[in-house]
PDB file of N, CA and C in Angstrom:
ATOM      1  N   MET A   1       9.307  -7.960  -8.835  1.00  0.00           N
ATOM      2  CA  MET A   1       8.642  -8.343  -7.618  1.00  0.00           C
ATOM      3  C   MET A   1       7.483  -9.264  -7.972  1.00  0.00           C
ATOM      4  N   GLN A   2       7.458 -10.422  -7.364  1.00  0.00           N
ATOM      5  CA  GLN A   2       6.392 -11.377  -7.643  1.00  0.00           C
ATOM      6  C   GLN A   2       5.355 -11.290  -6.532  1.00  0.00           C
ATOM      7  N   GLU A   3       4.531 -10.286  -6.613  1.00  0.00           N
ATOM      8  CA  GLU A   3       3.547 -10.056  -5.579  1.00  0.00           C
ATOM      9  C   GLU A   3       2.158 -10.312  -6.127  1.00  0.00           C
ATOM     10  N   ARG A   4       1.372 -11.022  -5.387  1.00  0.00           N
ATOM     11  CA  ARG A   4      -0.008 -11.278  -5.785  1.00  0.00           C
ATOM     12  C   ARG A   4      -0.845 -10.049  -5.451  1.00  0.00           C
ATOM     13  N   THR A   5      -1.815  -9.784  -6.292  1.00  0.00           N
ATOM     14  CA  THR A   5      -2.700  -8.659  -6.011  1.00  0.00           C
ATOM     15  C   THR A   5      -3.654  -9.055  -4.896  1.00  0.00           C
ATOM     16  N   LYS A   6      -4.147  -8.061  -4.165  1.00  0.00           N
ATOM     17  CA  LYS A   6      -5.037  -8.340  -3.041  1.00  0.00           C
ATOM     18  C   LYS A   6      -6.413  -8.746  -3.535  1.00  0.00           C
ATOM     19  N   LYS A   7      -6.980  -9.744  -2.886  1.00  0.00           N
ATOM     20  CA  LYS A   7      -8.317 -10.228  -3.223  1.00  0.00           C
ATOM     21  C   LYS A   7      -9.348  -9.553  -2.318  1.00  0.00           C
ATOM     22  N   HIS A   8     -10.602  -9.656  -2.726  1.00  0.00           N
ATOM     23  CA  HIS A   8     -11.696  -9.149  -1.906  1.00  0.00           C
ATOM     24  C   HIS A   8     -11.843 -10.011  -0.659  1.00  0.00           C
ATOM     25  N   ARG A   9     -12.459  -9.462   0.345  1.00  0.00           N
ATOM     26  CA  ARG A   9     -12.718 -10.228   1.568  1.00  0.00           C
ATOM     27  C   ARG A   9     -13.587 -11.431   1.240  1.00  0.00           C
ATOM     28  N   THR A  10     -13.324 -12.525   1.905  1.00  0.00           N
ATOM     29  CA  THR A  10     -14.107 -13.741   1.651  1.00  0.00           C
ATOM     30  C   THR A  10     -15.216 -13.918   2.668  1.00  0.00           C
ATOM     31  N   ASP A  11     -15.294 -13.033   3.659  1.00  0.00           N
ATOM     32  CA  ASP A  11     -16.345 -13.161   4.659  1.00  0.00           C
ATOM     33  C   ASP A  11     -17.519 -12.218   4.379  1.00  0.00           C
ATOM     34  N   SER A  12     -17.682 -11.830   3.130  1.00  0.00           N
ATOM     35  CA  SER A  12     -18.799 -10.973   2.749  1.00  0.00           C
ATOM     36  C   SER A  12     -19.394 -11.474   1.440  1.00  0.00           C
ATOM     37  N   ILE A  13     -20.594 -11.008   1.150  1.00  0.00           N
ATOM     38  CA  ILE A  13     -21.311 -11.387  -0.065  1.00  0.00           C
ATOM     39  C   ILE A  13     -21.663 -10.108  -0.816  1.00  0.00           C
ATOM     40  N   ASP A  14     -21.405 -10.084  -2.112  1.00  0.00           N
ATOM     41  CA  ASP A  14     -21.778  -8.939  -2.943  1.00  0.00           C
ATOM     42  C   ASP A  14     -23.102  -9.237  -3.626  1.00  0.00           C
ATOM     43  N   TRP A  15     -24.032  -8.307  -3.516  1.00  0.00           N
ATOM     44  CA  TRP A  15     -25.338  -8.433  -4.160  1.00  0.00           C
ATOM     45  C   TRP A  15     -25.571  -7.221  -5.026  1.00  0.00           C
ATOM     46  N   GLN A  16     -26.413  -7.408  -6.021  1.00  0.00           N
ATOM     47  CA  GLN A  16     -26.938  -6.285  -6.783  1.00  0.00           C
ATOM     48  C   GLN A  16     -28.436  -6.315  -6.556  1.00  0.00           C
ATOM     49  N   VAL A  17     -28.994  -5.204  -6.105  1.00  0.00           N
ATOM     50  CA  VAL A  17     -30.409  -5.162  -5.730  1.00  0.00           C
ATOM     51  C   VAL A  17     -31.110  -4.060  -6.509  1.00  0.00           C
ATOM     52  N   SER A  18     -32.298  -4.349  -7.015  1.00  0.00           N
ATOM     53  CA  SER A  18     -33.155  -3.334  -7.634  1.00  0.00           C
ATOM     54  C   SER A  18     -34.403  -3.194  -6.778  1.00  0.00           C
ATOM     55  N   CYS A  19     -34.815  -1.957  -6.556  1.00  0.00           N
ATOM     56  CA  CYS A  19     -36.031  -1.729  -5.784  1.00  0.00           C
ATOM     57  C   CYS A  19     -36.738  -0.490  -6.335  1.00  0.00           C
ATOM     58  N   PRO A  20     -38.020  -0.340  -6.038  1.00  0.00           N
ATOM     59  CA  PRO A  20     -38.753   0.830  -6.513  1.00  0.00           C
ATOM     60  C   PRO A  20     -38.106   2.117  -6.009  1.00  0.00           C
ATOM     61  N   ALA A  21     -38.091   3.129  -6.854  1.00  0.00           N
ATOM     62  CA  ALA A  21     -37.456   4.397  -6.509  1.00  0.00           C
ATOM     63  C   ALA A  21     -37.992   4.971  -5.203  1.00  0.00           C
ATOM     64  N   GLY A  22     -39.269   4.784  -4.935  1.00  0.00           N
ATOM     65  CA  GLY A  22     -39.883   5.329  -3.734  1.00  0.00           C
ATOM     66  C   GLY A  22     -39.371   4.710  -2.451  1.00  0.00           C
ATOM     67  N   SER A  23     -38.837   3.495  -2.515  1.00  0.00           N
ATOM     68  CA  SER A  23     -38.352   2.850  -1.299  1.00  0.00           C
ATOM     69  C   SER A  23     -36.835   2.735  -1.261  1.00  0.00           C
ATOM     70  N   ALA A  24     -36.150   3.333  -2.219  1.00  0.00           N
ATOM     71  CA  ALA A  24     -34.693   3.209  -2.302  1.00  0.00           C
ATOM     72  C   ALA A  24     -33.998   3.784  -1.072  1.00  0.00           C
ATOM     73  N   ALA A  25     -34.386   4.965  -0.630  1.00  0.00           N
ATOM     74  CA  ALA A  25     -33.726   5.592   0.519  1.00  0.00           C
ATOM     75  C   ALA A  25     -33.946   4.779   1.784  1.00  0.00           C
ATOM     76  N   GLU A  26     -35.161   4.299   1.962  1.00  0.00           N
ATOM     77  CA  GLU A  26     -35.483   3.489   3.146  1.00  0.00           C
ATOM     78  C   GLU A  26     -34.706   2.165   3.119  1.00  0.00           C
ATOM     79  N   THR A  27     -34.630   1.548   1.940  1.00  0.00           N
ATOM     80  CA  THR A  27     -33.904   0.286   1.798  1.00  0.00           C
ATOM     81  C   THR A  27     -32.427   0.489   2.059  1.00  0.00           C
ATOM     82  N   ARG A  28     -31.873   1.546   1.510  1.00  0.00           N
ATOM     83  CA  ARG A  28     -30.452   1.852   1.724  1.00  0.00           C
ATOM     84  C   ARG A  28     -30.169   2.058   3.210  1.00  0.00           C
ATOM     85  N   ALA A  29     -31.000   2.845   3.888  1.00  0.00           N
ATOM     86  CA  ALA A  29     -30.813   3.108   5.314  1.00  0.00           C
ATOM     87  C   ALA A  29     -30.874   1.807   6.119  1.00  0.00           C
ATOM     88  N   PHE A  30     -31.814   0.923   5.781  1.00  0.00           N
ATOM     89  CA  PHE A  30     -31.930  -0.363   6.472  1.00  0.00           C
ATOM     90  C   PHE A  30     -30.656  -1.188   6.294  1.00  0.00           C
ATOM     91  N   LEU A  31     -30.177  -1.289   5.052  1.00  0.00           N
ATOM     92  CA  LEU A  31     -28.978  -2.076   4.776  1.00  0.00           C
ATOM     93  C   LEU A  31     -27.764  -1.514   5.510  1.00  0.00           C
ATOM     94  N   GLU A  32     -27.639  -0.201   5.561  1.00  0.00           N
ATOM     95  CA  GLU A  32     -26.518   0.415   6.264  1.00  0.00           C
ATOM     96  C   GLU A  32     -26.613   0.154   7.766  1.00  0.00           C
ATOM     97  N   ARG A  33     -27.824   0.171   8.329  1.00  0.00           N
ATOM     98  CA  ARG A  33     -27.994  -0.156   9.750  1.00  0.00           C
ATOM     99  C   ARG A  33     -27.597  -1.599  10.037  1.00  0.00           C
ATOM    100  N   MET A  34     -27.750  -2.467   9.054  1.00  0.00           N
ATOM    101  CA  MET A  34     -27.395  -3.881   9.206  1.00  0.00           C
ATOM    102  C   MET A  34     -25.890  -4.099   9.023  1.00  0.00           C
ATOM    103  N   GLY A  35     -25.145  -3.030   8.751  1.00  0.00           N
ATOM    104  CA  GLY A  35     -23.704  -3.142   8.585  1.00  0.00           C
ATOM    105  C   GLY A  35     -23.262  -3.350   7.155  1.00  0.00           C
ATOM    106  N   CYS A  36     -24.185  -3.206   6.215  1.00  0.00           N
ATOM    107  CA  CYS A  36     -23.843  -3.384   4.799  1.00  0.00           C
ATOM    108  C   CYS A  36     -23.227  -2.102   4.249  1.00  0.00           C
ATOM    109  N   ARG A  37     -22.321  -2.271   3.320  1.00  0.00           N
ATOM    110  CA  ARG A  37     -21.745  -1.129   2.606  1.00  0.00           C
ATOM    111  C   ARG A  37     -22.524  -1.009   1.310  1.00  0.00           C
ATOM    112  N   VAL A  38     -23.167   0.101   1.105  1.00  0.00           N
ATOM    113  CA  VAL A  38     -24.014   0.302  -0.067  1.00  0.00           C
ATOM    114  C   VAL A  38     -23.309   1.258  -1.022  1.00  0.00           C
ATOM    115  N   ARG A  39     -23.138   0.818  -2.259  1.00  0.00           N
ATOM    116  CA  ARG A  39     -22.487   1.647  -3.282  1.00  0.00           C
ATOM    117  C   ARG A  39     -23.478   1.931  -4.393  1.00  0.00           C
ATOM    118  N   ASP A  40     -23.380   3.116  -4.964  1.00  0.00           N
ATOM    119  CA  ASP A  40     -24.220   3.463  -6.099  1.00  0.00           C
ATOM    120  C   ASP A  40     -23.686   2.757  -7.345  1.00  0.00           C
ATOM    121  N   ALA A  41     -24.567   2.472  -8.284  1.00  0.00           N
ATOM    122  CA  ALA A  41     -24.181   1.807  -9.525  1.00  0.00           C
ATOM    123  C   ALA A  41     -23.228   2.695 -10.314  1.00  0.00           C
ATOM    124  N   VAL A  42     -22.283   2.061 -10.992  1.00  0.00           N
ATOM    125  CA  VAL A  42     -21.306   2.771 -11.808  1.00  0.00           C
ATOM    126  C   VAL A  42     -21.356   2.178 -13.211  1.00  0.00           C
ATOM    127  N   ASP A  43     -21.294   3.028 -14.205  1.00  0.00           N
ATOM    128  CA  ASP A  43     -21.275   2.579 -15.590  1.00  0.00           C
ATOM    129  C   ASP A  43     -19.968   1.842 -15.855  1.00  0.00           C
ATOM    130  N   ALA A  44     -20.034   0.628 -16.363  1.00  0.00           N
ATOM    131  CA  ALA A  44     -18.851  -0.195 -16.606  1.00  0.00           C
ATOM    132  C   ALA A  44     -17.863   0.503 -17.526  1.00  0.00           C
ATOM    133  N   ARG A  45     -18.334   1.263 -18.490  1.00  0.00           N
ATOM    134  CA  ARG A  45     -17.415   1.967 -19.401  1.00  0.00           C
ATOM    135  C   ARG A  45     -16.578   2.992 -18.651  1.00  0.00           C
ATOM    136  N   GLU A  46     -17.130   3.523 -17.557  1.00  0.00           N
ATOM    137  CA  GLU A  46     -16.405   4.486 -16.740  1.00  0.00           C
ATOM    138  C   GLU A  46     -15.278   3.781 -15.964  1.00  0.00           C
ATOM    139  N   VAL A  47     -15.557   2.613 -15.449  1.00  0.00           N
ATOM    140  CA  VAL A  47     -14.589   1.862 -14.665  1.00  0.00           C
ATOM    141  C   VAL A  47     -13.559   1.175 -15.550  1.00  0.00           C
ATOM    142  N   LEU A  48     -14.008   0.645 -16.667  1.00  0.00           N
ATOM    143  CA  LEU A  48     -13.136  -0.116 -17.558  1.00  0.00           C
ATOM    144  C   LEU A  48     -12.757   0.685 -18.795  1.00  0.00           C
ATOM    145  N   SER A  49     -12.424   1.944 -18.600  1.00  0.00           N
ATOM    146  CA  SER A  49     -12.102   2.787 -19.753  1.00  0.00           C
ATOM    147  C   SER A  49     -10.810   2.338 -20.439  1.00  0.00           C
ATOM    148  N   ASP A  50      -9.882   1.777 -19.677  1.00  0.00           N
ATOM    149  CA  ASP A  50      -8.631   1.280 -20.250  1.00  0.00           C
ATOM    150  C   ASP A  50      -8.778  -0.215 -20.503  1.00  0.00           C
ATOM    151  N   ARG A  51      -9.020  -0.586 -21.741  1.00  0.00           N
ATOM    152  CA  ARG A  51      -9.192  -1.997 -22.083  1.00  0.00           C
ATOM    153  C   ARG A  51      -8.008  -2.494 -22.908  1.00  0.00           C
ATOM    154  N   SER A  52      -6.822  -2.022 -22.557  1.00  0.00           N
ATOM    155  CA  SER A  52      -5.621  -2.457 -23.269  1.00  0.00           C
ATOM    156  C   SER A  52      -5.315  -3.911 -22.922  1.00  0.00           C
ATOM    157  N   ALA A  53      -4.490  -4.535 -23.737  1.00  0.00           N
ATOM    158  CA  ALA A  53      -4.127  -5.936 -23.505  1.00  0.00           C
ATOM    159  C   ALA A  53      -3.498  -6.110 -22.133  1.00  0.00           C
ATOM    160  N   GLY A  54      -2.663  -5.179 -21.730  1.00  0.00           N
ATOM    161  CA  GLY A  54      -2.005  -5.274 -20.429  1.00  0.00           C
ATOM    162  C   GLY A  54      -2.977  -5.213 -19.272  1.00  0.00           C
ATOM    163  N   THR A  55      -3.961  -4.321 -19.375  1.00  0.00           N
ATOM    164  CA  THR A  55      -4.957  -4.192 -18.311  1.00  0.00           C
ATOM    165  C   THR A  55      -5.809  -5.451 -18.230  1.00  0.00           C
ATOM    166  N   LEU A  56      -6.221  -5.957 -19.375  1.00  0.00           N
ATOM    167  CA  LEU A  56      -7.024  -7.181 -19.386  1.00  0.00           C
ATOM    168  C   LEU A  56      -6.219  -8.372 -18.868  1.00  0.00           C
ATOM    169  N   LEU A  57      -4.939  -8.426 -19.222  1.00  0.00           N
ATOM    170  CA  LEU A  57      -4.085  -9.504 -18.740  1.00  0.00           C
ATOM    171  C   LEU A  57      -3.897  -9.413 -17.227  1.00  0.00           C
ATOM    172  N   ALA A  58      -3.680  -8.218 -16.718  1.00  0.00           N
ATOM    173  CA  ALA A  58      -3.534  -8.042 -15.273  1.00  0.00           C
ATOM    174  C   ALA A  58      -4.819  -8.446 -14.550  1.00  0.00           C
ATOM    175  N   GLY A  59      -5.972  -8.116 -15.131  1.00  0.00           N
ATOM    176  CA  GLY A  59      -7.247  -8.511 -14.535  1.00  0.00           C
ATOM    177  C   GLY A  59      -7.419 -10.021 -14.514  1.00  0.00           C
ATOM    178  N   ALA A  60      -7.016 -10.679 -15.586  1.00  0.00           N
ATOM    179  CA  ALA A  60      -7.115 -12.142 -15.643  1.00  0.00           C
ATOM    180  C   ALA A  60      -6.164 -12.776 -14.637  1.00  0.00           C
ATOM    181  N   ARG A  61      -4.956 -12.222 -14.492  1.00  0.00           N
ATOM    182  CA  ARG A  61      -4.024 -12.753 -13.491  1.00  0.00           C
ATOM    183  C   ARG A  61      -4.573 -12.573 -12.094  1.00  0.00           C
ATOM    184  N   TYR A  62      -5.206 -11.422 -11.835  1.00  0.00           N
ATOM    185  CA  TYR A  62      -5.829 -11.165 -10.535  1.00  0.00           C
ATOM    186  C   TYR A  62      -6.908 -12.205 -10.250  1.00  0.00           C
ATOM    187  N   ARG A  63      -7.760 -12.437 -11.249  1.00  0.00           N
ATOM    188  CA  ARG A  63      -8.858 -13.396 -11.086  1.00  0.00           C
ATOM    189  C   ARG A  63      -8.326 -14.787 -10.774  1.00  0.00           C
ATOM    190  N   GLU A  64      -7.228 -15.166 -11.411  1.00  0.00           N
ATOM    191  CA  GLU A  64      -6.657 -16.506 -11.232  1.00  0.00           C
ATOM    192  C   GLU A  64      -5.629 -16.561 -10.098  1.00  0.00           C
ATOM    193  N   ASP A  65      -5.389 -15.416  -9.427  1.00  0.00           N
ATOM    194  CA  ASP A  65      -4.427 -15.338  -8.329  1.00  0.00           C
ATOM    195  C   ASP A  65      -3.061 -15.847  -8.790  1.00  0.00           C
ATOM    196  N   MET A  66      -2.563 -15.275  -9.879  1.00  0.00           N
ATOM    197  CA  MET A  66      -1.359 -15.764 -10.534  1.00  0.00           C
ATOM    198  C   MET A  66      -0.332 -14.644 -10.684  1.00  0.00           C
ATOM    199  N   THR A  67       0.937 -14.956 -10.402  1.00  0.00           N
ATOM    200  CA  THR A  67       2.003 -13.981 -10.608  1.00  0.00           C
ATOM    201  C   THR A  67       2.418 -13.991 -12.074  1.00  0.00           C
ATOM    202  N   GLN A  68       3.197 -12.979 -12.465  1.00  0.00           N
ATOM    203  CA  GLN A  68       3.723 -12.944 -13.834  1.00  0.00           C
ATOM    204  C   GLN A  68       4.599 -14.162 -14.097  1.00  0.00           C
ATOM    205  N   ALA A  69       5.393 -14.557 -13.105  1.00  0.00           N
ATOM    206  CA  ALA A  69       6.275 -15.718 -13.269  1.00  0.00           C
ATOM    207  C   ALA A  69       5.460 -16.995 -13.481  1.00  0.00           C
ATOM    208  N   GLU A  70       4.371 -17.148 -12.743  1.00  0.00           N
ATOM    209  CA  GLU A  70       3.522 -18.334 -12.911  1.00  0.00           C
ATOM    210  C   GLU A  70       2.874 -18.346 -14.292  1.00  0.00           C
ATOM    211  N   LEU A  71       2.422 -17.189 -14.759  1.00  0.00           N
ATOM    212  CA  LEU A  71       1.832 -17.111 -16.089  1.00  0.00           C
ATOM    213  C   LEU A  71       2.883 -17.432 -17.155  1.00  0.00           C
ATOM    214  N   SER A  72       4.078 -16.930 -16.957  1.00  0.00           N
ATOM    215  CA  SER A  72       5.170 -17.208 -17.882  1.00  0.00           C
ATOM    216  C   SER A  72       5.446 -18.704 -17.968  1.00  0.00           C
ATOM    217  N   GLU A  73       5.488 -19.342 -16.823  1.00  0.00           N
ATOM    218  CA  GLU A  73       5.755 -20.781 -16.772  1.00  0.00           C
ATOM    219  C   GLU A  73       4.659 -21.577 -17.474  1.00  0.00           C
ATOM    220  N   LYS A  74       3.409 -21.184 -17.269  1.00  0.00           N
ATOM    221  CA  LYS A  74       2.282 -21.920 -17.866  1.00  0.00           C
ATOM    222  C   LYS A  74       2.135 -21.689 -19.361  1.00  0.00           C
ATOM    223  N   THR A  75       2.527 -20.501 -19.831  1.00  0.00           N
ATOM    224  CA  THR A  75       2.318 -20.170 -21.248  1.00  0.00           C
ATOM    225  C   THR A  75       3.572 -20.302 -22.100  1.00  0.00           C
ATOM    226  N   GLY A  76       4.729 -20.288 -21.463  1.00  0.00           N
ATOM    227  CA  GLY A  76       5.974 -20.309 -22.228  1.00  0.00           C
ATOM    228  C   GLY A  76       6.378 -18.935 -22.736  1.00  0.00           C
ATOM    229  N   ILE A  77       5.621 -17.911 -22.388  1.00  0.00           N
ATOM    230  CA  ILE A  77       5.949 -16.533 -22.770  1.00  0.00           C
ATOM    231  C   ILE A  77       6.931 -15.987 -21.734  1.00  0.00           C
ATOM    232  N   PRO A  78       8.050 -15.422 -22.164  1.00  0.00           N
ATOM    233  CA  PRO A  78       9.008 -14.891 -21.186  1.00  0.00           C
ATOM    234  C   PRO A  78       8.336 -13.866 -20.253  1.00  0.00           C
ATOM    235  N   ARG A  79       8.697 -13.919 -18.974  1.00  0.00           N
ATOM    236  CA  ARG A  79       8.097 -13.022 -17.990  1.00  0.00           C
ATOM    237  C   ARG A  79       8.322 -11.568 -18.365  1.00  0.00           C
ATOM    238  N   ARG A  80       9.465 -11.240 -18.940  1.00  0.00           N
ATOM    239  CA  ARG A  80       9.720  -9.849 -19.303  1.00  0.00           C
ATOM    240  C   ARG A  80       8.721  -9.366 -20.357  1.00  0.00           C
ATOM    241  N   HIS A  81       8.265 -10.254 -21.244  1.00  0.00           N
ATOM    242  CA  HIS A  81       7.272  -9.855 -22.249  1.00  0.00           C
ATOM    243  C   HIS A  81       5.924  -9.607 -21.581  1.00  0.00           C
ATOM    244  N   ILE A  82       5.582 -10.460 -20.620  1.00  0.00           N
ATOM    245  CA  ILE A  82       4.331 -10.259 -19.865  1.00  0.00           C
ATOM    246  C   ILE A  82       4.403  -8.928 -19.132  1.00  0.00           C
ATOM    247  N   SER A  83       5.538  -8.662 -18.516  1.00  0.00           N
ATOM    248  CA  SER A  83       5.721  -7.412 -17.772  1.00  0.00           C
ATOM    249  C   SER A  83       5.626  -6.201 -18.698  1.00  0.00           C
ATOM    250  N   GLU A  84       6.155  -6.315 -19.911  1.00  0.00           N
ATOM    251  CA  GLU A  84       6.121  -5.191 -20.849  1.00  0.00           C
ATOM    252  C   GLU A  84       4.688  -4.857 -21.283  1.00  0.00           C
ATOM    253  N   MET A  85       3.812  -5.854 -21.250  1.00  0.00           N
ATOM    254  CA  MET A  85       2.407  -5.578 -21.613  1.00  0.00           C
ATOM    255  C   MET A  85       1.785  -4.681 -20.592  1.00  0.00           C
TER     256      MET A  85
END
């Protein structure tokens, strides 16, 4: 199946904000009232625990909005080998 992975919404902006601990709750409440989705920070090692070649390749294909077949065509690597990763 040559399906592209879903991309993030393009009508939103992602920010990373630091603020004094004493005003964090107030700032969070304000942002949520404004319709913002506020997420707590996550350790990258927790999210990216699987750093295998296949996972990294899938992430790069996602970033470039590329199917396995398109990557195969551009690199000359058979699609079945890409799929096996």
